[in-house]
PDB file of all heavy atoms in Angstrom:
ATOM      1  N   ASP A   1       0.830  -1.220   0.000  1.00  0.00           N
ATOM      2  CA  ASP A   1       0.000   0.000   0.000  1.00  0.00           C
ATOM      3  C   ASP A   1       0.857   1.259   0.000  1.00  0.00           C
ATOM      4  O   ASP A   1       0.570   2.226  -0.703  1.00  0.00           O
ATOM      5  CB  ASP A   1      -0.924   0.019   1.236  1.00  0.00           C
ATOM      6  CG  ASP A   1      -2.110  -0.919   1.069  1.00  0.00           C
ATOM      7  OD1 ASP A   1      -2.284  -1.400  -0.069  1.00  0.00           O
ATOM      8  OD2 ASP A   1      -2.823  -1.183   2.048  1.00  0.00           O
ATOM      9  N   VAL A   2       1.928   1.243   0.800  1.00  0.00           N
ATOM     10  CA  VAL A   2       2.784   2.438   0.910  1.00  0.00           C
ATOM     11  C   VAL A   2       3.480   2.706  -0.414  1.00  0.00           C
ATOM     12  O   VAL A   2       3.481   3.828  -0.920  1.00  0.00           O
ATOM     13  CB  VAL A   2       3.838   2.268   2.030  1.00  0.00           C
ATOM     14  CG1 VAL A   2       4.682   3.521   2.150  1.00  0.00           C
ATOM     15  CG2 VAL A   2       3.172   1.978   3.353  1.00  0.00           C
ATOM     16  N   VAL A   3       4.070   1.654  -0.993  1.00  0.00           N
ATOM     17  CA  VAL A   3       4.785   1.842  -2.265  1.00  0.00           C
ATOM     18  C   VAL A   3       3.793   2.260  -3.347  1.00  0.00           C
ATOM     19  O   VAL A   3       4.087   3.114  -4.191  1.00  0.00           O
ATOM     20  CB  VAL A   3       5.549   0.557  -2.662  1.00  0.00           C
ATOM     21  CG1 VAL A   3       6.315   0.774  -3.956  1.00  0.00           C
ATOM     22  CG2 VAL A   3       6.507   0.145  -1.565  1.00  0.00           C
ATOM     23  N   LYS A   4       2.566   1.685  -3.273  1.00  0.00           N
ATOM     24  CA  LYS A   4       1.554   2.022  -4.292  1.00  0.00           C
ATOM     25  C   LYS A   4       1.171   3.497  -4.219  1.00  0.00           C
ATOM     26  O   LYS A   4       0.991   4.159  -5.245  1.00  0.00           O
ATOM     27  CB  LYS A   4       0.311   1.146  -4.092  1.00  0.00           C
ATOM     28  CG  LYS A   4      -0.657   1.205  -5.271  1.00  0.00           C
ATOM     29  CD  LYS A   4      -1.874   0.336  -5.055  1.00  0.00           C
ATOM     30  CE  LYS A   4      -1.564  -1.121  -5.212  1.00  0.00           C
ATOM     31  NZ  LYS A   4      -2.748  -1.969  -5.133  1.00  0.00           N
ATOM     32  N   SER A   5       1.061   4.041  -2.995  1.00  0.00           N
ATOM     33  CA  SER A   5       0.673   5.457  -2.876  1.00  0.00           C
ATOM     34  C   SER A   5       1.787   6.363  -3.403  1.00  0.00           C
ATOM     35  O   SER A   5       1.529   7.464  -3.871  1.00  0.00           O
ATOM     36  CB  SER A   5       0.333   5.805  -1.428  1.00  0.00           C
ATOM     37  OG  SER A   5       1.467   5.676  -0.618  1.00  0.00           O
ATOM     38  N   CYS A   6       3.045   5.896  -3.355  1.00  0.00           N
ATOM     39  CA  CYS A   6       4.147   6.698  -3.905  1.00  0.00           C
ATOM     40  C   CYS A   6       4.208   6.587  -5.427  1.00  0.00           C
ATOM     41  O   CYS A   6       4.614   7.513  -6.109  1.00  0.00           O
ATOM     42  CB  CYS A   6       5.469   6.243  -3.316  1.00  0.00           C
ATOM     43  SG  CYS A   6       5.551   6.551  -1.541  1.00  0.00           S
ATOM     44  N   VAL A   7       3.821   5.413  -5.962  1.00  0.00           N
ATOM     45  CA  VAL A   7       3.848   5.211  -7.419  1.00  0.00           C
ATOM     46  C   VAL A   7       2.601   5.822  -8.059  1.00  0.00           C
ATOM     47  O   VAL A   7       2.603   6.164  -9.234  1.00  0.00           O
ATOM     48  CB  VAL A   7       3.932   3.691  -7.730  1.00  0.00           C
ATOM     49  CG1 VAL A   7       3.827   3.422  -9.211  1.00  0.00           C
ATOM     50  CG2 VAL A   7       5.236   3.139  -7.210  1.00  0.00           C
ATOM     51  N   GLY A   8       1.536   5.982  -7.260  1.00  0.00           N
ATOM     52  CA  GLY A   8       0.254   6.458  -7.806  1.00  0.00           C
ATOM     53  C   GLY A   8       0.328   7.825  -8.467  1.00  0.00           C
ATOM     54  O   GLY A   8      -0.482   8.167  -9.326  1.00  0.00           O
ATOM     55  N   THR A   9       1.325   8.644  -8.061  1.00  0.00           N
ATOM     56  CA  THR A   9       1.425   9.997  -8.628  1.00  0.00           C
ATOM     57  C   THR A   9       2.223  10.010  -9.923  1.00  0.00           C
ATOM     58  O   THR A   9       2.415  11.048 -10.525  1.00  0.00           O
ATOM     59  CB  THR A   9       2.123  10.942  -7.628  1.00  0.00           C
ATOM     60  OG1 THR A   9       3.455  10.472  -7.435  1.00  0.00           O
ATOM     61  CG2 THR A   9       1.412  10.973  -6.308  1.00  0.00           C
ATOM     62  N   LYS A  10       2.703   8.837 -10.351  1.00  0.00           N
ATOM     63  CA  LYS A  10       3.613   8.789 -11.509  1.00  0.00           C
ATOM     64  C   LYS A  10       2.875   8.316 -12.752  1.00  0.00           C
ATOM     65  O   LYS A  10       1.764   7.821 -12.697  1.00  0.00           O
ATOM     66  CB  LYS A  10       4.774   7.825 -11.241  1.00  0.00           C
ATOM     67  CG  LYS A  10       5.405   7.957  -9.877  1.00  0.00           C
ATOM     68  CD  LYS A  10       6.350   9.128  -9.825  1.00  0.00           C
ATOM     69  CE  LYS A  10       6.996   9.209  -8.462  1.00  0.00           C
ATOM     70  NZ  LYS A  10       7.624  10.478  -8.212  1.00  0.00           N
ATOM     71  N   PHE A  11       3.607   8.379 -13.864  1.00  0.00           N
ATOM     72  CA  PHE A  11       3.090   7.892 -15.150  1.00  0.00           C
ATOM     73  C   PHE A  11       2.790   6.395 -15.071  1.00  0.00           C
ATOM     74  O   PHE A  11       1.845   5.905 -15.657  1.00  0.00           O
ATOM     75  CB  PHE A  11       4.140   8.178 -16.233  1.00  0.00           C
ATOM     76  CG  PHE A  11       3.921   7.442 -17.524  1.00  0.00           C
ATOM     77  CD1 PHE A  11       3.012   7.923 -18.456  1.00  0.00           C
ATOM     78  CD2 PHE A  11       4.612   6.277 -17.808  1.00  0.00           C
ATOM     79  CE1 PHE A  11       2.804   7.241 -19.638  1.00  0.00           C
ATOM     80  CE2 PHE A  11       4.408   5.596 -18.992  1.00  0.00           C
ATOM     81  CZ  PHE A  11       3.500   6.084 -19.914  1.00  0.00           C
ATOM     82  N   ILE A  12       3.626   5.671 -14.295  1.00  0.00           N
ATOM     83  CA  ILE A  12       3.493   4.212 -14.206  1.00  0.00           C
ATOM     84  C   ILE A  12       2.307   3.813 -13.323  1.00  0.00           C
ATOM     85  O   ILE A  12       2.030   2.639 -13.132  1.00  0.00           O
ATOM     86  CB  ILE A  12       4.821   3.613 -13.674  1.00  0.00           C
ATOM     87  CG1 ILE A  12       4.977   2.158 -14.068  1.00  0.00           C
ATOM     88  CG2 ILE A  12       4.938   3.770 -12.174  1.00  0.00           C
ATOM     89  CD1 ILE A  12       6.301   1.551 -13.679  1.00  0.00           C
ATOM     90  N   GLY A  13       1.597   4.818 -12.774  1.00  0.00           N
ATOM     91  CA  GLY A  13       0.488   4.567 -11.843  1.00  0.00           C
ATOM     92  C   GLY A  13      -0.559   3.589 -12.363  1.00  0.00           C
ATOM     93  O   GLY A  13      -1.177   2.860 -11.596  1.00  0.00           O
ATOM     94  N   ARG A  14      -0.752   3.551 -13.695  1.00  0.00           N
ATOM     95  CA  ARG A  14      -1.767   2.634 -14.264  1.00  0.00           C
ATOM     96  C   ARG A  14      -1.376   1.168 -14.051  1.00  0.00           C
ATOM     97  O   ARG A  14      -2.214   0.289 -14.005  1.00  0.00           O
ATOM     98  CB  ARG A  14      -1.917   2.894 -15.762  1.00  0.00           C
ATOM     99  CG  ARG A  14      -2.697   4.161 -16.049  1.00  0.00           C
ATOM    100  CD  ARG A  14      -2.520   4.624 -17.470  1.00  0.00           C
ATOM    101  NE  ARG A  14      -2.800   3.570 -18.431  1.00  0.00           N
ATOM    102  CZ  ARG A  14      -2.390   3.622 -19.708  1.00  0.00           C
ATOM    103  NH1 ARG A  14      -1.685   4.641 -20.134  1.00  0.00           N
ATOM    104  NH2 ARG A  14      -2.695   2.647 -20.546  1.00  0.00           N
ATOM    105  N   TRP A  15      -0.071   0.939 -13.967  1.00  0.00           N
ATOM    106  CA  TRP A  15       0.395  -0.438 -13.728  1.00  0.00           C
ATOM    107  C   TRP A  15       0.947  -0.538 -12.311  1.00  0.00           C
ATOM    108  O   TRP A  15       1.942  -1.212 -12.068  1.00  0.00           O
ATOM    109  CB  TRP A  15       1.492  -0.796 -14.736  1.00  0.00           C
ATOM    110  CG  TRP A  15       1.027  -0.789 -16.146  1.00  0.00           C
ATOM    111  CD1 TRP A  15       0.407  -1.800 -16.818  1.00  0.00           C
ATOM    112  CD2 TRP A  15       1.111   0.302 -17.075  1.00  0.00           C
ATOM    113  NE1 TRP A  15       0.113  -1.415 -18.111  1.00  0.00           N
ATOM    114  CE2 TRP A  15       0.536  -0.122 -18.295  1.00  0.00           C
ATOM    115  CE3 TRP A  15       1.620   1.590 -16.998  1.00  0.00           C
ATOM    116  CZ2 TRP A  15       0.456   0.690 -19.408  1.00  0.00           C
ATOM    117  CZ3 TRP A  15       1.536   2.415 -18.112  1.00  0.00           C
ATOM    118  CH2 TRP A  15       0.965   1.967 -19.304  1.00  0.00           C
ATOM    119  N   SER A  16       0.305   0.155 -11.371  1.00  0.00           N
ATOM    120  CA  SER A  16       0.898   0.281 -10.033  1.00  0.00           C
ATOM    121  C   SER A  16       1.097  -1.077  -9.360  1.00  0.00           C
ATOM    122  O   SER A  16       2.090  -1.285  -8.676  1.00  0.00           O
ATOM    123  CB  SER A  16       0.069   1.207  -9.153  1.00  0.00           C
ATOM    124  OG  SER A  16      -1.241   0.737  -9.052  1.00  0.00           O
ATOM    125  N   ASP A  17       0.157  -2.023  -9.538  1.00  0.00           N
ATOM    126  CA  ASP A  17       0.307  -3.338  -8.887  1.00  0.00           C
ATOM    127  C   ASP A  17       1.590  -4.024  -9.334  1.00  0.00           C
ATOM    128  O   ASP A  17       2.343  -4.574  -8.529  1.00  0.00           O
ATOM    129  CB  ASP A  17      -0.890  -4.244  -9.210  1.00  0.00           C
ATOM    130  CG  ASP A  17      -2.144  -3.772  -8.494  1.00  0.00           C
ATOM    131  OD1 ASP A  17      -1.986  -3.028  -7.502  1.00  0.00           O
ATOM    132  OD2 ASP A  17      -3.259  -4.110  -8.924  1.00  0.00           O
ATOM    133  N   LEU A  18       1.837  -3.964 -10.652  1.00  0.00           N
ATOM    134  CA  LEU A  18       3.033  -4.592 -11.218  1.00  0.00           C
ATOM    135  C   LEU A  18       4.289  -3.890 -10.709  1.00  0.00           C
ATOM    136  O   LEU A  18       5.261  -4.529 -10.289  1.00  0.00           O
ATOM    137  CB  LEU A  18       2.976  -4.516 -12.748  1.00  0.00           C
ATOM    138  CG  LEU A  18       4.198  -5.051 -13.490  1.00  0.00           C
ATOM    139  CD1 LEU A  18       4.256  -6.554 -13.388  1.00  0.00           C
ATOM    140  CD2 LEU A  18       4.181  -4.636 -14.954  1.00  0.00           C
ATOM    141  N   ALA A  19       4.264  -2.543 -10.716  1.00  0.00           N
ATOM    142  CA  ALA A  19       5.436  -1.757 -10.287  1.00  0.00           C
ATOM    143  C   ALA A  19       5.766  -2.028  -8.823  1.00  0.00           C
ATOM    144  O   ALA A  19       6.935  -2.177  -8.463  1.00  0.00           O
ATOM    145  CB  ALA A  19       5.166  -0.268 -10.500  1.00  0.00           C
ATOM    146  N   VAL A  20       4.732  -2.125  -7.993  1.00  0.00           N
ATOM    147  CA  VAL A  20       4.934  -2.381  -6.557  1.00  0.00           C
ATOM    148  C   VAL A  20       5.552  -3.755  -6.355  1.00  0.00           C
ATOM    149  O   VAL A  20       6.503  -3.926  -5.577  1.00  0.00           O
ATOM    150  CB  VAL A  20       3.588  -2.289  -5.814  1.00  0.00           C
ATOM    151  CG1 VAL A  20       3.704  -2.812  -4.399  1.00  0.00           C
ATOM    152  CG2 VAL A  20       3.102  -0.848  -5.788  1.00  0.00           C
ATOM    153  N   LYS A  21       5.035  -4.740  -7.082  1.00  0.00           N
ATOM    154  CA  LYS A  21       5.546  -6.114  -6.960  1.00  0.00           C
ATOM    155  C   LYS A  21       7.017  -6.158  -7.376  1.00  0.00           C
ATOM    156  O   LYS A  21       7.856  -6.752  -6.694  1.00  0.00           O
ATOM    157  CB  LYS A  21       4.702  -7.040  -7.851  1.00  0.00           C
ATOM    158  CG  LYS A  21       5.001  -8.510  -7.664  1.00  0.00           C
ATOM    159  CD  LYS A  21       4.008  -9.355  -8.469  1.00  0.00           C
ATOM    160  CE  LYS A  21       4.382 -10.827  -8.420  1.00  0.00           C
ATOM    161  NZ  LYS A  21       5.716 -11.126  -8.940  1.00  0.00           N
ATOM    162  N   ILE A  22       7.338  -5.482  -8.494  1.00  0.00           N
ATOM    163  CA  ILE A  22       8.723  -5.461  -8.983  1.00  0.00           C
ATOM    164  C   ILE A  22       9.633  -4.806  -7.945  1.00  0.00           C
ATOM    165  O   ILE A  22      10.696  -5.332  -7.606  1.00  0.00           O
ATOM    166  CB  ILE A  22       8.808  -4.698 -10.339  1.00  0.00           C
ATOM    167  CG1 ILE A  22       8.205  -5.553 -11.448  1.00  0.00           C
ATOM    168  CG2 ILE A  22      10.238  -4.310 -10.673  1.00  0.00           C
ATOM    169  CD1 ILE A  22       8.147  -4.876 -12.800  1.00  0.00           C
ATOM    170  N   ALA A  23       9.198  -3.648  -7.414  1.00  0.00           N
ATOM    171  CA  ALA A  23      10.034  -2.903  -6.461  1.00  0.00           C
ATOM    172  C   ALA A  23      10.307  -3.729  -5.207  1.00  0.00           C
ATOM    173  O   ALA A  23      11.457  -3.833  -4.765  1.00  0.00           O
ATOM    174  CB  ALA A  23       9.360  -1.584  -6.092  1.00  0.00           C
ATOM    175  N   LEU A  24       9.259  -4.330  -4.643  1.00  0.00           N
ATOM    176  CA  LEU A  24       9.440  -5.089  -3.397  1.00  0.00           C
ATOM    177  C   LEU A  24      10.277  -6.353  -3.626  1.00  0.00           C
ATOM    178  O   LEU A  24      11.129  -6.701  -2.809  1.00  0.00           O
ATOM    179  CB  LEU A  24       8.087  -5.446  -2.781  1.00  0.00           C
ATOM    180  CG  LEU A  24       7.351  -4.264  -2.146  1.00  0.00           C
ATOM    181  CD1 LEU A  24       5.949  -4.667  -1.721  1.00  0.00           C
ATOM    182  CD2 LEU A  24       8.099  -3.716  -0.939  1.00  0.00           C
ATOM    183  N   ASP A  25      10.039  -7.028  -4.781  1.00  0.00           N
ATOM    184  CA  ASP A  25      10.828  -8.230  -5.098  1.00  0.00           C
ATOM    185  C   ASP A  25      12.312  -7.888  -5.208  1.00  0.00           C
ATOM    186  O   ASP A  25      13.169  -8.579  -4.670  1.00  0.00           O
ATOM    187  CB  ASP A  25      10.365  -8.847  -6.438  1.00  0.00           C
ATOM    188  CG  ASP A  25       9.147  -9.729  -6.241  1.00  0.00           C
ATOM    189  OD1 ASP A  25       8.690  -9.813  -5.091  1.00  0.00           O
ATOM    190  OD2 ASP A  25       8.644 -10.312  -7.221  1.00  0.00           O
ATOM    191  N   ALA A  26      12.587  -6.797  -5.939  1.00  0.00           N
ATOM    192  CA  ALA A  26      13.981  -6.410  -6.174  1.00  0.00           C
ATOM    193  C   ALA A  26      14.676  -6.048  -4.866  1.00  0.00           C
ATOM    194  O   ALA A  26      15.810  -6.469  -4.615  1.00  0.00           O
ATOM    195  CB  ALA A  26      14.041  -5.232  -7.142  1.00  0.00           C
ATOM    196  N   VAL A  27      13.992  -5.301  -4.014  1.00  0.00           N
ATOM    197  CA  VAL A  27      14.610  -4.870  -2.752  1.00  0.00           C
ATOM    198  C   VAL A  27      14.842  -6.068  -1.834  1.00  0.00           C
ATOM    199  O   VAL A  27      15.892  -6.182  -1.195  1.00  0.00           O
ATOM    200  CB  VAL A  27      13.738  -3.790  -2.062  1.00  0.00           C
ATOM    201  CG1 VAL A  27      14.188  -3.565  -0.633  1.00  0.00           C
ATOM    202  CG2 VAL A  27      13.818  -2.490  -2.831  1.00  0.00           C
ATOM    203  N   GLU A  28      13.874  -6.988  -1.791  1.00  0.00           N
ATOM    204  CA  GLU A  28      14.050  -8.179  -0.955  1.00  0.00           C
ATOM    205  C   GLU A  28      15.217  -9.033  -1.452  1.00  0.00           C
ATOM    206  O   GLU A  28      15.969  -9.622  -0.672  1.00  0.00           O
ATOM    207  CB  GLU A  28      12.766  -9.016  -0.958  1.00  0.00           C
ATOM    208  CG  GLU A  28      11.788  -8.574   0.119  1.00  0.00           C
ATOM    209  CD  GLU A  28      10.472  -9.343   0.045  1.00  0.00           C
ATOM    210  OE1 GLU A  28      10.495 -10.491  -0.427  1.00  0.00           O
ATOM    211  OE2 GLU A  28       9.443  -8.795   0.439  1.00  0.00           O
ATOM    212  N   THR A  29      15.367  -9.090  -2.782  1.00  0.00           N
ATOM    213  CA  THR A  29      16.436  -9.913  -3.363  1.00  0.00           C
ATOM    214  C   THR A  29      17.807  -9.368  -2.994  1.00  0.00           C
ATOM    215  O   THR A  29      18.703 -10.124  -2.622  1.00  0.00           O
ATOM    216  CB  THR A  29      16.300  -9.958  -4.904  1.00  0.00           C
ATOM    217  OG1 THR A  29      14.989 -10.409  -5.240  1.00  0.00           O
ATOM    218  CG2 THR A  29      17.310 -10.899  -5.524  1.00  0.00           C
ATOM    219  N   VAL A  30      17.998  -8.045  -3.086  1.00  0.00           N
ATOM    220  CA  VAL A  30      19.349  -7.496  -2.869  1.00  0.00           C
ATOM    221  C   VAL A  30      19.633  -7.175  -1.395  1.00  0.00           C
ATOM    222  O   VAL A  30      20.710  -6.706  -1.073  1.00  0.00           O
ATOM    223  CB  VAL A  30      19.620  -6.229  -3.724  1.00  0.00           C
ATOM    224  CG1 VAL A  30      19.463  -6.532  -5.190  1.00  0.00           C
ATOM    225  CG2 VAL A  30      18.720  -5.070  -3.332  1.00  0.00           C
ATOM    226  N   MET A  31      18.675  -7.436  -0.529  1.00  0.00           N
ATOM    227  CA  MET A  31      18.886  -7.134   0.896  1.00  0.00           C
ATOM    228  C   MET A  31      19.897  -8.121   1.506  1.00  0.00           C
ATOM    229  O   MET A  31      19.767  -9.318   1.355  1.00  0.00           O
ATOM    230  CB  MET A  31      17.553  -7.214   1.657  1.00  0.00           C
ATOM    231  CG  MET A  31      17.688  -6.775   3.097  1.00  0.00           C
ATOM    232  SD  MET A  31      16.129  -6.246   3.819  1.00  0.00           S
ATOM    233  CE  MET A  31      15.228  -7.748   3.878  1.00  0.00           C
ATOM    234  N   LEU A  32      20.909  -7.554   2.162  1.00  0.00           N
ATOM    235  CA  LEU A  32      21.967  -8.376   2.730  1.00  0.00           C
ATOM    236  C   LEU A  32      22.102  -8.019   4.208  1.00  0.00           C
ATOM    237  O   LEU A  32      22.267  -6.853   4.557  1.00  0.00           O
ATOM    238  CB  LEU A  32      23.280  -8.057   1.999  1.00  0.00           C
ATOM    239  CG  LEU A  32      24.440  -9.021   2.183  1.00  0.00           C
ATOM    240  CD1 LEU A  32      24.102 -10.374   1.596  1.00  0.00           C
ATOM    241  CD2 LEU A  32      25.695  -8.465   1.512  1.00  0.00           C
ATOM    242  N   THR A  33      21.998  -9.008   5.082  1.00  0.00           N
ATOM    243  CA  THR A  33      22.125  -8.736   6.519  1.00  0.00           C
ATOM    244  C   THR A  33      23.384  -9.403   7.048  1.00  0.00           C
ATOM    245  O   THR A  33      23.537 -10.626   6.948  1.00  0.00           O
ATOM    246  CB  THR A  33      20.892  -9.261   7.283  1.00  0.00           C
ATOM    247  OG1 THR A  33      19.726  -8.736   6.657  1.00  0.00           O
ATOM    248  CG2 THR A  33      20.912  -8.830   8.723  1.00  0.00           C
ATOM    249  N   GLU A  34      24.300  -8.595   7.570  1.00  0.00           N
ATOM    250  CA  GLU A  34      25.550  -9.119   8.133  1.00  0.00           C
ATOM    251  C   GLU A  34      25.785  -8.483   9.496  1.00  0.00           C
ATOM    252  O   GLU A  34      25.712  -7.258   9.629  1.00  0.00           O
ATOM    253  CB  GLU A  34      26.736  -8.783   7.214  1.00  0.00           C
ATOM    254  CG  GLU A  34      26.847  -9.704   6.023  1.00  0.00           C
ATOM    255  CD  GLU A  34      28.018  -9.330   5.121  1.00  0.00           C
ATOM    256  OE1 GLU A  34      28.632  -8.284   5.369  1.00  0.00           O
ATOM    257  OE2 GLU A  34      28.294 -10.087   4.185  1.00  0.00           O
ATOM    258  N   ASN A  35      26.075  -9.304  10.487  1.00  0.00           N
ATOM    259  CA  ASN A  35      26.353  -8.831  11.857  1.00  0.00           C
ATOM    260  C   ASN A  35      25.259  -7.885  12.375  1.00  0.00           C
ATOM    261  O   ASN A  35      25.554  -6.842  12.961  1.00  0.00           O
ATOM    262  CB  ASN A  35      27.707  -8.107  11.911  1.00  0.00           C
ATOM    263  CG  ASN A  35      28.823  -8.982  11.390  1.00  0.00           C
ATOM    264  OD1 ASN A  35      28.731 -10.198  11.514  1.00  0.00           O
ATOM    265  ND2 ASN A  35      29.836  -8.382  10.808  1.00  0.00           N
ATOM    266  N   GLY A  36      24.008  -8.212  12.050  1.00  0.00           N
ATOM    267  CA  GLY A  36      22.895  -7.387  12.539  1.00  0.00           C
ATOM    268  C   GLY A  36      22.667  -6.103  11.754  1.00  0.00           C
ATOM    269  O   GLY A  36      21.748  -5.349  12.041  1.00  0.00           O
ATOM    270  N   ARG A  37      23.535  -5.825  10.754  1.00  0.00           N
ATOM    271  CA  ARG A  37      23.360  -4.614   9.936  1.00  0.00           C
ATOM    272  C   ARG A  37      22.737  -4.990   8.602  1.00  0.00           C
ATOM    273  O   ARG A  37      23.139  -5.968   7.970  1.00  0.00           O
ATOM    274  CB  ARG A  37      24.708  -3.916   9.681  1.00  0.00           C
ATOM    275  CG  ARG A  37      25.209  -3.110  10.868  1.00  0.00           C
ATOM    276  CD  ARG A  37      26.551  -2.450  10.589  1.00  0.00           C
ATOM    277  NE  ARG A  37      26.435  -1.449   9.548  1.00  0.00           N
ATOM    278  CZ  ARG A  37      27.037  -1.543   8.369  1.00  0.00           C
ATOM    279  NH1 ARG A  37      27.744  -2.605   8.058  1.00  0.00           N
ATOM    280  NH2 ARG A  37      26.910  -0.579   7.486  1.00  0.00           N
ATOM    281  N   THR A  38      21.744  -4.197   8.177  1.00  0.00           N
ATOM    282  CA  THR A  38      21.089  -4.474   6.907  1.00  0.00           C
ATOM    283  C   THR A  38      21.626  -3.517   5.844  1.00  0.00           C
ATOM    284  O   THR A  38      21.682  -2.316   6.055  1.00  0.00           O
ATOM    285  CB  THR A  38      19.560  -4.284   7.031  1.00  0.00           C
ATOM    286  OG1 THR A  38      19.105  -5.113   8.089  1.00  0.00           O
ATOM    287  CG2 THR A  38      18.855  -4.679   5.760  1.00  0.00           C
TER     288      THR A  38
END
């Protein structure tokens, strides 16, 4: 919901569900946690 409200003001807003899914997937993929630091 949060990412969607930020994308809603953009040109890509019509495909907001897809954009949100892509953004969250990408961020989760590259997230690296070492020694308690993200």
